[in-house]
Protein backbone atom coordinates (compact mmCIF):
# COMPACT_ATOMS: atom_id res chain seq x y z
CA UNK A 1 -21.20 -13.86 12.24
CA UNK A 2 -18.22 -11.59 11.95
CA UNK A 3 -16.63 -10.08 15.04
CA UNK A 4 -16.15 -6.32 15.08
CA UNK A 5 -12.65 -5.04 15.80
CA UNK A 6 -12.19 -3.38 19.18
CA UNK A 7 -9.55 -0.99 17.92
CA UNK A 8 -8.01 -0.09 14.61
CA UNK A 9 -4.63 1.58 14.08
CA UNK A 10 -3.98 3.38 10.78
CA UNK A 11 -0.45 3.85 9.44
CA UNK A 12 -0.02 6.33 6.56
CA UNK A 13 3.01 7.90 4.94
CA UNK A 14 3.50 9.93 1.73
CA UNK A 15 6.06 7.34 0.52
CA UNK A 16 3.37 4.65 0.61
CA UNK A 17 0.65 6.63 -1.20
CA UNK A 18 -1.90 5.60 -2.42
CA UNK A 19 -1.50 2.73 0.05
CA UNK A 20 -1.82 2.68 3.82
CA UNK A 21 -1.84 0.00 6.51
CA UNK A 22 -4.41 -0.71 9.18
CA UNK A 23 -3.81 -2.98 12.15
CA UNK A 24 -6.30 -4.71 14.40
CA UNK A 25 -5.92 -7.47 17.00
CA UNK A 26 -5.34 -10.17 14.39
CA UNK A 27 -3.45 -8.76 11.38
CA UNK A 28 -2.09 -5.93 9.28
CA UNK A 29 -4.19 -4.97 6.27
CA UNK A 30 -2.76 -3.19 3.22
CA UNK A 31 -5.37 -0.81 1.79
CA UNK A 32 -5.40 1.32 -1.33
CA UNK A 33 -7.04 4.75 -1.50
CA UNK A 34 -9.17 4.84 -4.62
CA UNK A 35 -10.58 8.01 -6.13
CA UNK A 36 -13.20 7.03 -8.75
CA UNK A 37 -12.79 8.54 -12.17
CA UNK A 38 -15.55 11.10 -12.74
CA UNK A 39 -15.33 10.56 -16.51
CA UNK A 40 -15.95 6.82 -16.33
CA UNK A 41 -19.04 5.80 -18.29
CA UNK A 42 -20.65 4.22 -15.19
CA UNK A 43 -19.96 7.21 -12.97
CA UNK A 44 -22.96 9.20 -11.77
CA UNK A 45 -21.19 12.47 -11.13
CA UNK A 46 -18.72 12.98 -8.33
CA UNK A 47 -16.99 9.92 -7.00
CA UNK A 48 -16.28 9.43 -3.34
CA UNK A 49 -12.86 8.25 -2.25
CA UNK A 50 -12.87 4.80 -0.68
CA UNK A 51 -10.35 2.25 0.54
CA UNK A 52 -9.86 -1.12 -1.11
CA UNK A 53 -8.14 -3.93 0.85
CA UNK A 54 -5.16 -5.42 -1.01
CA UNK A 55 -4.16 -8.14 1.45
CA UNK A 56 -3.97 -9.32 5.04
CA UNK A 57 -0.59 -10.02 6.69
CA UNK A 58 0.63 -11.43 9.98
CA UNK A 59 3.57 -9.01 10.24
CA UNK A 60 4.21 -5.36 9.54
CA UNK A 61 7.27 -6.21 7.45
CA UNK A 62 5.22 -8.41 5.11
CA UNK A 63 2.65 -5.63 4.72
CA UNK A 64 5.42 -3.19 3.74
CA UNK A 65 6.81 -5.68 1.23
CA UNK A 66 3.36 -5.96 -0.36
CA UNK A 67 3.27 -2.19 -0.77
CA UNK A 68 6.71 -2.26 -2.44
CA UNK A 69 5.47 -4.88 -4.92
CA UNK A 70 2.29 -2.90 -5.62
CA UNK A 71 4.20 0.35 -6.15
CA UNK A 72 6.24 -1.36 -8.87
CA UNK A 73 3.04 -1.71 -10.92
CA UNK A 74 3.52 1.79 -12.27
CA UNK A 75 1.43 1.29 -15.41
CA UNK A 76 4.05 3.05 -17.47
CA UNK A 77 6.44 1.94 -20.17
CA UNK A 78 10.15 1.67 -19.52
CA UNK A 79 12.59 2.26 -22.34
CA UNK A 80 15.24 0.04 -20.82
CA UNK A 81 15.80 -2.65 -18.24
CA UNK A 82 18.13 -0.27 -16.39
CA UNK A 83 15.31 2.27 -16.01
CA UNK A 84 12.99 -0.38 -14.52
CA UNK A 85 15.72 -1.70 -12.21
CA UNK A 86 16.45 1.84 -10.97
CA UNK A 87 12.74 2.29 -10.16
CA UNK A 88 12.78 -1.05 -8.35
CA UNK A 89 15.90 -0.11 -6.36
CA UNK A 90 14.38 3.22 -5.30
CA UNK A 91 11.15 1.65 -4.05
CA UNK A 92 12.97 -1.30 -2.47
CA UNK A 93 15.43 0.94 -0.60
CA UNK A 94 12.60 3.09 0.78
CA UNK A 95 10.80 0.02 2.10
CA UNK A 96 14.05 -1.54 3.33
CA UNK A 97 14.73 1.60 5.37
CA UNK A 98 11.39 1.09 7.09
CA UNK A 99 11.93 -2.61 7.74
CA UNK A 100 15.47 -2.02 9.09
CA UNK A 101 14.08 0.58 11.49
CA UNK A 102 11.52 -1.97 12.66
CA UNK A 103 14.18 -4.61 13.34
CA UNK A 104 16.39 -2.17 15.23
CA UNK A 105 13.45 -0.98 17.35
CA UNK A 106 12.48 -4.51 18.38
């Protein structure tokens, strides 16, 4: 039988969208906000937004790194390696700023 969490902390930020992190007594969970496509052939009208767990992590830093990796799956085409690397650097530096702030606060 599964044990119900006593408390749940939610961490959201526009830089992480559509992802957010929840924390309970045991781990950090990376979640994705999913808005169903109303035009999908299996859709029965309006879709309701829901969250989809993407992974469970023992540290906040690892959860942020997972979000950085997920945000690199942009589902778009790049015309050059430089363009992709620039996208990677932008996402990586945003996440690195967060992780550096965590280290300096601890």
